[in-house]
Amino acid sequence: ARMAEAVLYLMKNISDNGRIRNVSKLDLAEFTAMSRESAIRVLKEFGDEGFIDMKDQCITVLNEEAMNKIDLYG
């Protein structure tokens, strides 16, 4: 839920048409107080489920509704 909350926060505050640019996986790990490995695993799961697309240092939220549900319910 922490990672979903962080991605949604960044999307609402610094995104460009739903794209969050120049944010590394390490940045997200530190922002959410998660280990780098855990952050990478969660981001991969989000990508595998089709909730986000992450290429280089750009995250695109593909399913905001699903991310909101994860944020609310874990």
PDB file of N, CA and C in Angstrom:
ATOM      1  N   ALA A   1       0.829  -1.198   0.000  1.00  0.00           N
ATOM      2  CA  ALA A   1       0.000   0.000   0.000  1.00  0.00           C
ATOM      3  C   ALA A   1       0.873   1.262   0.000  1.00  0.00           C
ATOM      4  N   ARG A   2       2.029   1.186   0.651  1.00  0.00           N
ATOM      5  CA  ARG A   2       2.913   2.365   0.689  1.00  0.00           C
ATOM      6  C   ARG A   2       3.365   2.769  -0.704  1.00  0.00           C
ATOM      7  N   MET A   3       3.706   1.782  -1.502  1.00  0.00           N
ATOM      8  CA  MET A   3       4.190   2.091  -2.841  1.00  0.00           C
ATOM      9  C   MET A   3       3.067   2.654  -3.706  1.00  0.00           C
ATOM     10  N   ALA A   4       1.873   2.096  -3.600  1.00  0.00           N
ATOM     11  CA  ALA A   4       0.734   2.618  -4.357  1.00  0.00           C
ATOM     12  C   ALA A   4       0.461   4.064  -3.953  1.00  0.00           C
ATOM     13  N   GLU A   5       0.506   4.328  -2.656  1.00  0.00           N
ATOM     14  CA  GLU A   5       0.282   5.688  -2.162  1.00  0.00           C
ATOM     15  C   GLU A   5       1.341   6.642  -2.714  1.00  0.00           C
ATOM     16  N   ALA A   6       2.591   6.214  -2.727  1.00  0.00           N
ATOM     17  CA  ALA A   6       3.682   7.058  -3.220  1.00  0.00           C
ATOM     18  C   ALA A   6       3.528   7.338  -4.711  1.00  0.00           C
ATOM     19  N   VAL A   7       3.216   6.313  -5.487  1.00  0.00           N
ATOM     20  CA  VAL A   7       3.056   6.492  -6.925  1.00  0.00           C
ATOM     21  C   VAL A   7       1.884   7.433  -7.211  1.00  0.00           C
ATOM     22  N   LEU A   8       0.783   7.255  -6.503  1.00  0.00           N
ATOM     23  CA  LEU A   8      -0.369   8.143  -6.694  1.00  0.00           C
ATOM     24  C   LEU A   8      -0.042   9.575  -6.288  1.00  0.00           C
ATOM     25  N   TYR A   9       0.678   9.737  -5.196  1.00  0.00           N
ATOM     26  CA  TYR A   9       1.076  11.073  -4.750  1.00  0.00           C
ATOM     27  C   TYR A   9       1.925  11.756  -5.824  1.00  0.00           C
ATOM     28  N   LEU A  10       2.911  11.045  -6.324  1.00  0.00           N
ATOM     29  CA  LEU A  10       3.775  11.613  -7.358  1.00  0.00           C
ATOM     30  C   LEU A  10       2.994  11.896  -8.637  1.00  0.00           C
ATOM     31  N   MET A  11       2.066  11.019  -8.973  1.00  0.00           N
ATOM     32  CA  MET A  11       1.263  11.223 -10.172  1.00  0.00           C
ATOM     33  C   MET A  11       0.441  12.502 -10.051  1.00  0.00           C
ATOM     34  N   LYS A  12      -0.126  12.733  -8.893  1.00  0.00           N
ATOM     35  CA  LYS A  12      -0.985  13.902  -8.702  1.00  0.00           C
ATOM     36  C   LYS A  12      -0.198  15.197  -8.568  1.00  0.00           C
ATOM     37  N   ASN A  13       1.066  15.097  -8.131  1.00  0.00           N
ATOM     38  CA  ASN A  13       1.818  16.305  -7.831  1.00  0.00           C
ATOM     39  C   ASN A  13       2.925  16.661  -8.819  1.00  0.00           C
ATOM     40  N   ILE A  14       3.505  15.685  -9.488  1.00  0.00           N
ATOM     41  CA  ILE A  14       4.608  16.025 -10.388  1.00  0.00           C
ATOM     42  C   ILE A  14       4.520  15.356 -11.754  1.00  0.00           C
ATOM     43  N   SER A  15       3.404  14.738 -12.067  1.00  0.00           N
ATOM     44  CA  SER A  15       3.340  13.997 -13.325  1.00  0.00           C
ATOM     45  C   SER A  15       3.045  14.921 -14.503  1.00  0.00           C
ATOM     46  N   ASP A  16       3.377  14.418 -15.665  1.00  0.00           N
ATOM     47  CA  ASP A  16       3.107  15.084 -16.927  1.00  0.00           C
ATOM     48  C   ASP A  16       2.242  14.131 -17.737  1.00  0.00           C
ATOM     49  N   ASN A  17       0.926  14.376 -17.771  1.00  0.00           N
ATOM     50  CA  ASN A  17      -0.022  13.491 -18.465  1.00  0.00           C
ATOM     51  C   ASN A  17       0.045  12.059 -17.947  1.00  0.00           C
ATOM     52  N   GLY A  18       0.120  11.902 -16.636  1.00  0.00           N
ATOM     53  CA  GLY A  18       0.165  10.571 -16.037  1.00  0.00           C
ATOM     54  C   GLY A  18       1.533   9.938 -16.008  1.00  0.00           C
ATOM     55  N   ARG A  19       2.551  10.638 -16.497  1.00  0.00           N
ATOM     56  CA  ARG A  19       3.919  10.114 -16.501  1.00  0.00           C
ATOM     57  C   ARG A  19       4.744  10.797 -15.425  1.00  0.00           C
ATOM     58  N   ILE A  20       5.338   9.990 -14.610  1.00  0.00           N
ATOM     59  CA  ILE A  20       6.236  10.488 -13.570  1.00  0.00           C
ATOM     60  C   ILE A  20       7.647  10.292 -14.107  1.00  0.00           C
ATOM     61  N   ARG A  21       8.346  11.378 -14.313  1.00  0.00           N
ATOM     62  CA  ARG A  21       9.668  11.311 -14.941  1.00  0.00           C
ATOM     63  C   ARG A  21      10.784  11.490 -13.918  1.00  0.00           C
ATOM     64  N   ASN A  22      11.942  10.938 -14.248  1.00  0.00           N
ATOM     65  CA  ASN A  22      13.170  11.096 -13.463  1.00  0.00           C
ATOM     66  C   ASN A  22      13.037  10.614 -12.024  1.00  0.00           C
ATOM     67  N   VAL A  23      12.349   9.495 -11.840  1.00  0.00           N
ATOM     68  CA  VAL A  23      12.234   8.873 -10.522  1.00  0.00           C
ATOM     69  C   VAL A  23      12.765   7.449 -10.643  1.00  0.00           C
ATOM     70  N   SER A  24      13.840   7.173  -9.927  1.00  0.00           N
ATOM     71  CA  SER A  24      14.429   5.840  -9.988  1.00  0.00           C
ATOM     72  C   SER A  24      13.763   4.911  -8.975  1.00  0.00           C
ATOM     73  N   LYS A  25      14.017   3.646  -9.126  1.00  0.00           N
ATOM     74  CA  LYS A  25      13.506   2.671  -8.163  1.00  0.00           C
ATOM     75  C   LYS A  25      14.104   2.918  -6.789  1.00  0.00           C
ATOM     76  N   LEU A  26      15.348   3.332  -6.747  1.00  0.00           N
ATOM     77  CA  LEU A  26      15.988   3.664  -5.470  1.00  0.00           C
ATOM     78  C   LEU A  26      15.313   4.876  -4.837  1.00  0.00           C
ATOM     79  N   ASP A  27      14.981   5.877  -5.644  1.00  0.00           N
ATOM     80  CA  ASP A  27      14.253   7.041  -5.129  1.00  0.00           C
ATOM     81  C   ASP A  27      12.935   6.619  -4.498  1.00  0.00           C
ATOM     82  N   LEU A  28      12.202   5.750  -5.192  1.00  0.00           N
ATOM     83  CA  LEU A  28      10.920   5.277  -4.661  1.00  0.00           C
ATOM     84  C   LEU A  28      11.106   4.449  -3.397  1.00  0.00           C
ATOM     85  N   ALA A  29      12.143   3.644  -3.359  1.00  0.00           N
ATOM     86  CA  ALA A  29      12.421   2.852  -2.155  1.00  0.00           C
ATOM     87  C   ALA A  29      12.665   3.773  -0.969  1.00  0.00           C
ATOM     88  N   GLU A  30      13.484   4.790  -1.162  1.00  0.00           N
ATOM     89  CA  GLU A  30      13.768   5.721  -0.077  1.00  0.00           C
ATOM     90  C   GLU A  30      12.526   6.524   0.304  1.00  0.00           C
ATOM     91  N   PHE A  31      11.736   6.930  -0.675  1.00  0.00           N
ATOM     92  CA  PHE A  31      10.529   7.717  -0.440  1.00  0.00           C
ATOM     93  C   PHE A  31       9.501   6.942   0.384  1.00  0.00           C
ATOM     94  N   THR A  32       9.476   5.618   0.206  1.00  0.00           N
ATOM     95  CA  THR A  32       8.498   4.780   0.905  1.00  0.00           C
ATOM     96  C   THR A  32       9.080   4.058   2.116  1.00  0.00           C
ATOM     97  N   ALA A  33      10.352   4.296   2.402  1.00  0.00           N
ATOM     98  CA  ALA A  33      11.036   3.637   3.526  1.00  0.00           C
ATOM     99  C   ALA A  33      11.030   2.116   3.370  1.00  0.00           C
ATOM    100  N   MET A  34      11.217   1.671   2.132  1.00  0.00           N
ATOM    101  CA  MET A  34      11.300   0.245   1.836  1.00  0.00           C
ATOM    102  C   MET A  34      12.728  -0.073   1.407  1.00  0.00           C
ATOM    103  N   SER A  35      13.100  -1.334   1.516  1.00  0.00           N
ATOM    104  CA  SER A  35      14.396  -1.726   0.969  1.00  0.00           C
ATOM    105  C   SER A  35      14.312  -1.648  -0.549  1.00  0.00           C
ATOM    106  N   ARG A  36      15.451  -1.489  -1.177  1.00  0.00           N
ATOM    107  CA  ARG A  36      15.479  -1.401  -2.638  1.00  0.00           C
ATOM    108  C   ARG A  36      14.894  -2.660  -3.269  1.00  0.00           C
ATOM    109  N   GLU A  37      15.218  -3.808  -2.708  1.00  0.00           N
ATOM    110  CA  GLU A  37      14.737  -5.072  -3.245  1.00  0.00           C
ATOM    111  C   GLU A  37      13.219  -5.180  -3.144  1.00  0.00           C
ATOM    112  N   SER A  38      12.667  -4.781  -1.999  1.00  0.00           N
ATOM    113  CA  SER A  38      11.207  -4.835  -1.815  1.00  0.00           C
ATOM    114  C   SER A  38      10.504  -3.875  -2.765  1.00  0.00           C
ATOM    115  N   ALA A  39      11.066  -2.689  -2.921  1.00  0.00           N
ATOM    116  CA  ALA A  39      10.468  -1.700  -3.821  1.00  0.00           C
ATOM    117  C   ALA A  39      10.466  -2.217  -5.257  1.00  0.00           C
ATOM    118  N   ILE A  40      11.570  -2.800  -5.674  1.00  0.00           N
ATOM    119  CA  ILE A  40      11.659  -3.344  -7.030  1.00  0.00           C
ATOM    120  C   ILE A  40      10.642  -4.464  -7.228  1.00  0.00           C
ATOM    121  N   ARG A  41      10.508  -5.327  -6.221  1.00  0.00           N
ATOM    122  CA  ARG A  41       9.553  -6.441  -6.307  1.00  0.00           C
ATOM    123  C   ARG A  41       8.126  -5.915  -6.452  1.00  0.00           C
ATOM    124  N   VAL A  42       7.758  -4.927  -5.628  1.00  0.00           N
ATOM    125  CA  VAL A  42       6.400  -4.370  -5.672  1.00  0.00           C
ATOM    126  C   VAL A  42       6.149  -3.668  -7.010  1.00  0.00           C
ATOM    127  N   LEU A  43       7.108  -2.901  -7.481  1.00  0.00           N
ATOM    128  CA  LEU A  43       6.947  -2.228  -8.769  1.00  0.00           C
ATOM    129  C   LEU A  43       6.808  -3.235  -9.904  1.00  0.00           C
ATOM    130  N   LYS A  44       7.558  -4.331  -9.832  1.00  0.00           N
ATOM    131  CA  LYS A  44       7.437  -5.384 -10.847  1.00  0.00           C
ATOM    132  C   LYS A  44       6.042  -6.010 -10.800  1.00  0.00           C
ATOM    133  N   GLU A  45       5.531  -6.250  -9.592  1.00  0.00           N
ATOM    134  CA  GLU A  45       4.176  -6.800  -9.459  1.00  0.00           C
ATOM    135  C   GLU A  45       3.146  -5.846 -10.051  1.00  0.00           C
ATOM    136  N   PHE A  46       3.285  -4.554  -9.771  1.00  0.00           N
ATOM    137  CA  PHE A  46       2.369  -3.563 -10.341  1.00  0.00           C
ATOM    138  C   PHE A  46       2.447  -3.590 -11.867  1.00  0.00           C
ATOM    139  N   GLY A  47       3.650  -3.710 -12.395  1.00  0.00           N
ATOM    140  CA  GLY A  47       3.821  -3.777 -13.842  1.00  0.00           C
ATOM    141  C   GLY A  47       3.228  -5.040 -14.431  1.00  0.00           C
ATOM    142  N   ASP A  48       3.468  -6.175 -13.773  1.00  0.00           N
ATOM    143  CA  ASP A  48       2.936  -7.457 -14.248  1.00  0.00           C
ATOM    144  C   ASP A  48       1.407  -7.467 -14.259  1.00  0.00           C
ATOM    145  N   GLU A  49       0.803  -6.763 -13.298  1.00  0.00           N
ATOM    146  CA  GLU A  49      -0.657  -6.693 -13.214  1.00  0.00           C
ATOM    147  C   GLU A  49      -1.246  -5.659 -14.177  1.00  0.00           C
ATOM    148  N   GLY A  50      -0.387  -4.862 -14.800  1.00  0.00           N
ATOM    149  CA  GLY A  50      -0.859  -3.861 -15.741  1.00  0.00           C
ATOM    150  C   GLY A  50      -1.293  -2.557 -15.098  1.00  0.00           C
ATOM    151  N   PHE A  51      -0.880  -2.340 -13.854  1.00  0.00           N
ATOM    152  CA  PHE A  51      -1.249  -1.109 -13.151  1.00  0.00           C
ATOM    153  C   PHE A  51      -0.344   0.052 -13.532  1.00  0.00           C
ATOM    154  N   ILE A  52       0.927  -0.244 -13.782  1.00  0.00           N
ATOM    155  CA  ILE A  52       1.889   0.781 -14.175  1.00  0.00           C
ATOM    156  C   ILE A  52       2.763   0.243 -15.303  1.00  0.00           C
ATOM    157  N   ASP A  53       3.430   1.167 -15.960  1.00  0.00           N
ATOM    158  CA  ASP A  53       4.476   0.806 -16.919  1.00  0.00           C
ATOM    159  C   ASP A  53       5.701   1.591 -16.493  1.00  0.00           C
ATOM    160  N   MET A  54       6.816   0.915 -16.312  1.00  0.00           N
ATOM    161  CA  MET A  54       8.032   1.587 -15.869  1.00  0.00           C
ATOM    162  C   MET A  54       9.147   1.292 -16.851  1.00  0.00           C
ATOM    163  N   LYS A  55       9.632   2.362 -17.469  1.00  0.00           N
ATOM    164  CA  LYS A  55      10.757   2.256 -18.394  1.00  0.00           C
ATOM    165  C   LYS A  55      11.774   3.303 -18.007  1.00  0.00           C
ATOM    166  N   ASP A  56      13.017   2.867 -17.875  1.00  0.00           N
ATOM    167  CA  ASP A  56      14.104   3.738 -17.434  1.00  0.00           C
ATOM    168  C   ASP A  56      13.681   4.424 -16.131  1.00  0.00           C
ATOM    169  N   GLN A  57      13.597   5.726 -16.118  1.00  0.00           N
ATOM    170  CA  GLN A  57      13.187   6.432 -14.902  1.00  0.00           C
ATOM    171  C   GLN A  57      11.864   7.156 -15.123  1.00  0.00           C
ATOM    172  N   CYS A  58      10.955   6.497 -15.830  1.00  0.00           N
ATOM    173  CA  CYS A  58       9.646   7.063 -16.125  1.00  0.00           C
ATOM    174  C   CYS A  58       8.576   6.039 -15.765  1.00  0.00           C
ATOM    175  N   ILE A  59       7.640   6.452 -14.940  1.00  0.00           N
ATOM    176  CA  ILE A  59       6.530   5.590 -14.540  1.00  0.00           C
ATOM    177  C   ILE A  59       5.257   6.161 -15.144  1.00  0.00           C
ATOM    178  N   THR A  60       4.492   5.309 -15.800  1.00  0.00           N
ATOM    179  CA  THR A  60       3.192   5.699 -16.322  1.00  0.00           C
ATOM    180  C   THR A  60       2.135   4.885 -15.597  1.00  0.00           C
ATOM    181  N   VAL A  61       1.184   5.565 -14.987  1.00  0.00           N
ATOM    182  CA  VAL A  61       0.089   4.889 -14.300  1.00  0.00           C
ATOM    183  C   VAL A  61      -0.936   4.500 -15.353  1.00  0.00           C
ATOM    184  N   LEU A  62      -1.195   3.213 -15.473  1.00  0.00           N
ATOM    185  CA  LEU A  62      -2.126   2.697 -16.469  1.00  0.00           C
ATOM    186  C   LEU A  62      -3.506   2.435 -15.886  1.00  0.00           C
ATOM    187  N   ASN A  63      -3.566   2.142 -14.589  1.00  0.00           N
ATOM    188  CA  ASN A  63      -4.835   1.825 -13.946  1.00  0.00           C
ATOM    189  C   ASN A  63      -4.893   2.528 -12.592  1.00  0.00           C
ATOM    190  N   GLU A  64      -5.314   3.783 -12.620  1.00  0.00           N
ATOM    191  CA  GLU A  64      -5.372   4.582 -11.396  1.00  0.00           C
ATOM    192  C   GLU A  64      -6.379   4.012 -10.389  1.00  0.00           C
ATOM    193  N   GLU A  65      -7.479   3.478 -10.878  1.00  0.00           N
ATOM    194  CA  GLU A  65      -8.501   2.910  -9.998  1.00  0.00           C
ATOM    195  C   GLU A  65      -7.938   1.750  -9.174  1.00  0.00           C
ATOM    196  N   ALA A  66      -7.198   0.873  -9.816  1.00  0.00           N
ATOM    197  CA  ALA A  66      -6.598  -0.268  -9.114  1.00  0.00           C
ATOM    198  C   ALA A  66      -5.571   0.224  -8.094  1.00  0.00           C
ATOM    199  N   MET A  67      -4.789   1.227  -8.472  1.00  0.00           N
ATOM    200  CA  MET A  67      -3.791   1.771  -7.540  1.00  0.00           C
ATOM    201  C   MET A  67      -4.476   2.396  -6.329  1.00  0.00           C
ATOM    202  N   ASN A  68      -5.590   3.064  -6.548  1.00  0.00           N
ATOM    203  CA  ASN A  68      -6.344   3.644  -5.423  1.00  0.00           C
ATOM    204  C   ASN A  68      -6.867   2.553  -4.489  1.00  0.00           C
ATOM    205  N   LYS A  69      -7.342   1.441  -5.049  1.00  0.00           N
ATOM    206  CA  LYS A  69      -7.828   0.332  -4.219  1.00  0.00           C
ATOM    207  C   LYS A  69      -6.692  -0.259  -3.401  1.00  0.00           C
ATOM    208  N   ILE A  70      -5.535  -0.423  -4.005  1.00  0.00           N
ATOM    209  CA  ILE A  70      -4.384  -0.940  -3.260  1.00  0.00           C
ATOM    210  C   ILE A  70      -4.003   0.019  -2.152  1.00  0.00           C
ATOM    211  N   ASP A  71      -4.019   1.308  -2.446  1.00  0.00           N
ATOM    212  CA  ASP A  71      -3.705   2.321  -1.448  1.00  0.00           C
ATOM    213  C   ASP A  71      -4.683   2.250  -0.274  1.00  0.00           C
ATOM    214  N   LEU A  72      -5.951   2.073  -0.551  1.00  0.00           N
ATOM    215  CA  LEU A  72      -6.965   2.057   0.506  1.00  0.00           C
ATOM    216  C   LEU A  72      -7.019   0.749   1.290  1.00  0.00           C
ATOM    217  N   TYR A  73      -6.911  -0.368   0.578  1.00  0.00           N
ATOM    218  CA  TYR A  73      -7.145  -1.663   1.214  1.00  0.00           C
ATOM    219  C   TYR A  73      -5.904  -2.535   1.380  1.00  0.00           C
ATOM    220  N   GLY A  74      -4.799  -2.127   0.778  1.00  0.00           N
ATOM    221  CA  GLY A  74      -3.561  -2.898   0.918  1.00  0.00           C
ATOM    222  C   GLY A  74      -3.423  -4.022  -0.048  1.00  0.00           C
TER     223      GLY A  74
END
